């Protein structure tokens, strides 16, 4: 006579999940002065706005979003990163005719495989959710970053125009309207 035995298997995993999303672009900087001088003006302006120099680039991280600008070529990279450690556990249950022997081992092995598959599926779901969060974070930050970098480029352009005007002759009059974005310089050559 055989008896039915309940076989229960518990499995758990711990994973460090990370996700990121990034966008690359170029700043449109007019070559009013020599490239080196324009790069110097851009570096000065971005440092004034809280960027720090790292490996020849100007970098700022804020709210898990990193903005990196190469002042020599104007390349911009905006990257959002998310990371989390997840601990997942599951329990599977089955029935066997014998509590020892090959039948029990086969059932136990099958239950472990089912548990691992479920945990992997759940971990993948967490990874996809995290990737979505990183993409949303990047999208939310892009408008602000774009506006700030455009303002920085405009400030660099104004300063470059002032320096170029001074090189051309004596500045007689200069008026600037930041609201309208206009700059008028009268130079006597």
Protein backbone atom coordinates (compact mmCIF):
# COMPACT_ATOMS: atom_id res chain seq x y z
CA UNK A 1 0.00 0.00 0.00
CA UNK A 2 1.33 3.41 -0.90
CA UNK A 3 0.70 6.67 0.80
CA UNK A 4 0.52 10.10 -0.76
CA UNK A 5 2.99 12.63 0.59
CA UNK A 6 2.98 16.33 0.16
CA UNK A 7 6.26 17.73 -1.12
CA UNK A 8 6.93 21.42 -0.58
CA UNK A 9 9.85 23.33 -2.10
CA UNK A 10 10.87 26.89 -1.20
CA UNK A 11 13.15 28.94 -3.43
CA UNK A 12 14.39 32.51 -3.18
CA UNK A 13 16.70 34.80 -5.09
CA UNK A 14 18.32 38.15 -4.48
CA UNK A 15 19.20 40.30 -7.48
CA UNK A 16 20.83 43.67 -7.95
CA UNK A 17 18.89 45.20 -10.80
CA UNK A 18 19.94 48.29 -12.69
CA UNK A 19 18.55 50.15 -15.65
CA UNK A 20 19.55 53.22 -17.59
CA UNK A 21 18.46 55.27 -20.54
CA UNK A 22 20.39 57.99 -22.31
CA UNK A 23 20.19 60.53 -25.08
CA UNK A 24 23.10 62.06 -26.98
CA UNK A 25 23.03 65.35 -28.86
CA UNK A 26 25.24 68.25 -29.87
CA UNK A 27 25.12 71.88 -28.80
CA UNK A 28 24.84 74.33 -31.65
CA UNK A 29 27.50 76.89 -30.81
CA UNK A 30 28.37 79.56 -33.35
CA UNK A 31 32.09 79.89 -34.09
CA UNK A 32 32.28 83.59 -33.29
CA UNK A 33 35.72 83.26 -31.75
CA UNK A 34 38.38 80.57 -32.22
CA UNK A 35 37.25 77.09 -31.15
CA UNK A 36 39.50 77.08 -28.09
CA UNK A 37 38.11 80.40 -26.87
CA UNK A 38 34.51 79.23 -27.40
CA UNK A 39 35.31 76.05 -25.48
CA UNK A 40 36.77 78.13 -22.66
CA UNK A 41 33.65 80.33 -22.50
CA UNK A 42 31.37 77.26 -22.45
CA UNK A 43 33.44 75.65 -19.69
CA UNK A 44 33.28 78.81 -17.59
CA UNK A 45 29.49 79.15 -18.07
CA UNK A 46 28.73 75.50 -17.27
CA UNK A 47 30.94 75.58 -14.17
CA UNK A 48 28.99 78.64 -13.06
CA UNK A 49 25.85 76.52 -13.43
CA UNK A 50 27.15 73.75 -11.15
CA UNK A 51 28.96 71.45 -13.56
CA UNK A 52 32.28 69.90 -12.49
CA UNK A 53 35.17 68.87 -14.67
CA UNK A 54 35.71 65.10 -15.00
CA UNK A 55 37.97 63.47 -17.59
CA UNK A 56 37.87 66.49 -19.90
CA UNK A 57 34.09 66.78 -19.75
CA UNK A 58 31.75 68.89 -17.66
CA UNK A 59 29.43 66.70 -15.60
CA UNK A 60 26.54 67.27 -13.23
CA UNK A 61 24.36 64.64 -11.54
CA UNK A 62 21.03 65.64 -10.07
CA UNK A 63 18.13 63.36 -9.08
CA UNK A 64 19.72 60.26 -10.71
CA UNK A 65 20.15 62.13 -14.03
CA UNK A 66 23.69 62.79 -15.24
CA UNK A 67 24.40 65.49 -17.83
CA UNK A 68 27.81 65.35 -19.49
CA UNK A 69 29.07 68.01 -21.93
CA UNK A 70 32.27 67.87 -23.95
CA UNK A 71 33.18 71.58 -24.26
CA UNK A 72 35.54 70.99 -27.17
CA UNK A 73 33.02 69.49 -29.58
CA UNK A 74 29.70 70.34 -27.87
CA UNK A 75 28.59 66.72 -27.47
CA UNK A 76 25.94 66.31 -24.75
CA UNK A 77 24.92 63.07 -23.06
CA UNK A 78 21.96 62.94 -20.68
CA UNK A 79 21.67 59.67 -18.78
CA UNK A 80 19.15 58.48 -16.19
CA UNK A 81 20.02 55.51 -13.99
CA UNK A 82 18.00 53.46 -11.55
CA UNK A 83 19.11 50.59 -9.34
CA UNK A 84 17.49 48.39 -6.73
CA UNK A 85 18.10 45.13 -4.90
CA UNK A 86 15.14 42.76 -4.94
CA UNK A 87 14.56 39.69 -2.86
CA UNK A 88 11.99 37.30 -4.27
CA UNK A 89 10.70 34.06 -2.76
CA UNK A 90 8.17 31.43 -3.75
CA UNK A 91 6.90 28.10 -2.56
CA UNK A 92 5.73 25.21 -4.72
CA UNK A 93 3.81 22.21 -3.58
CA UNK A 94 3.21 18.80 -5.13
CA UNK A 95 2.22 15.28 -4.24
CA UNK A 96 4.13 12.04 -4.44
CA UNK A 97 3.37 8.39 -3.81
CA UNK A 98 6.53 7.73 -1.85
CA UNK A 99 8.40 10.13 0.46
CA UNK A 100 11.76 8.61 -0.49
CA UNK A 101 13.15 7.29 -3.71
CA UNK A 102 13.31 8.42 -7.31
CA UNK A 103 9.66 9.48 -7.57
CA UNK A 104 10.11 11.94 -4.69
CA UNK A 105 13.36 13.29 -6.14
CA UNK A 106 11.80 13.77 -9.58
CA UNK A 107 8.85 15.66 -8.13
CA UNK A 108 11.14 17.78 -5.94
CA UNK A 109 13.35 18.57 -8.96
CA UNK A 110 10.33 19.50 -11.08
CA UNK A 111 8.97 21.76 -8.31
CA UNK A 112 12.37 23.48 -7.94
CA UNK A 113 12.51 24.11 -11.68
CA UNK A 114 9.00 25.59 -11.61
CA UNK A 115 9.93 27.81 -8.65
CA UNK A 116 13.12 29.05 -10.35
CA UNK A 117 11.24 29.78 -13.56
CA UNK A 118 8.63 31.77 -11.66
CA UNK A 119 11.31 33.73 -9.78
CA UNK A 120 13.16 34.51 -13.01
CA UNK A 121 9.92 35.71 -14.60
CA UNK A 122 9.18 37.93 -11.61
CA UNK A 123 12.75 39.31 -11.61
CA UNK A 124 12.42 40.07 -15.34
CA UNK A 125 9.18 41.94 -14.61
CA UNK A 126 10.96 43.99 -11.95
CA UNK A 127 13.77 44.73 -14.45
CA UNK A 128 11.28 45.94 -17.06
CA UNK A 129 9.52 48.15 -14.50
CA UNK A 130 12.89 49.62 -13.47
CA UNK A 131 13.78 50.29 -17.13
CA UNK A 132 10.47 52.10 -17.55
CA UNK A 133 11.22 54.24 -14.49
CA UNK A 134 14.65 55.17 -15.88
CA UNK A 135 13.11 56.16 -19.22
CA UNK A 136 10.41 58.24 -17.50
CA UNK A 137 13.05 59.96 -15.37
CA UNK A 138 15.05 60.81 -18.48
CA UNK A 139 11.99 62.13 -20.31
CA UNK A 140 11.04 64.29 -17.35
CA UNK A 141 14.52 65.81 -17.12
CA UNK A 142 15.12 66.48 -20.82
CA UNK A 143 13.00 69.63 -21.11
CA UNK A 144 14.76 71.26 -18.15
CA UNK A 145 18.21 70.21 -19.34
CA UNK A 146 17.50 71.43 -22.88
CA UNK A 147 16.35 74.84 -21.59
CA UNK A 148 19.34 75.20 -19.29
CA UNK A 149 21.85 74.26 -21.99
CA UNK A 150 20.17 76.62 -24.48
CA UNK A 151 20.47 79.42 -21.89
CA UNK A 152 24.14 78.54 -21.40
CA UNK A 153 24.79 78.61 -25.18
CA UNK A 154 23.03 81.97 -25.43
CA UNK A 155 25.19 83.36 -22.60
CA UNK A 156 28.34 82.06 -24.32
CA UNK A 157 27.23 83.58 -27.63
CA UNK A 158 26.58 86.99 -26.01
CA UNK A 159 29.99 86.98 -24.33
CA UNK A 160 31.70 85.89 -27.58
CA UNK A 161 29.97 88.70 -29.50
CA UNK A 162 31.11 91.25 -26.92
CA UNK A 163 34.71 90.02 -27.18
CA UNK A 164 34.59 89.96 -30.98
CA UNK A 165 33.19 93.51 -31.05
CA UNK A 166 36.00 94.66 -28.74
CA UNK A 167 38.53 93.08 -31.13
CA UNK A 168 37.02 94.89 -34.12
CA UNK A 169 37.21 98.35 -32.61
CA UNK A 170 36.02 100.58 -29.82
CA UNK A 171 32.61 99.73 -28.38
CA UNK A 172 30.57 102.97 -28.33
CA UNK A 173 27.26 101.59 -27.14
CA UNK A 174 25.89 98.26 -25.98
CA UNK A 175 22.32 97.38 -25.02
CA UNK A 176 21.07 94.00 -23.97
CA UNK A 177 17.52 92.77 -23.47
CA UNK A 178 17.65 89.30 -21.84
CA UNK A 179 13.86 88.95 -22.02
CA UNK A 180 13.79 89.40 -25.79
CA UNK A 181 17.19 87.74 -26.24
CA UNK A 182 18.62 90.69 -28.13
CA UNK A 183 22.05 92.28 -27.96
CA UNK A 184 22.96 95.47 -29.80
CA UNK A 185 26.57 96.58 -30.01
CA UNK A 186 27.76 99.72 -31.78
CA UNK A 187 31.42 99.62 -32.65
CA UNK A 188 33.62 102.38 -33.99
CA UNK A 189 36.18 100.86 -36.31
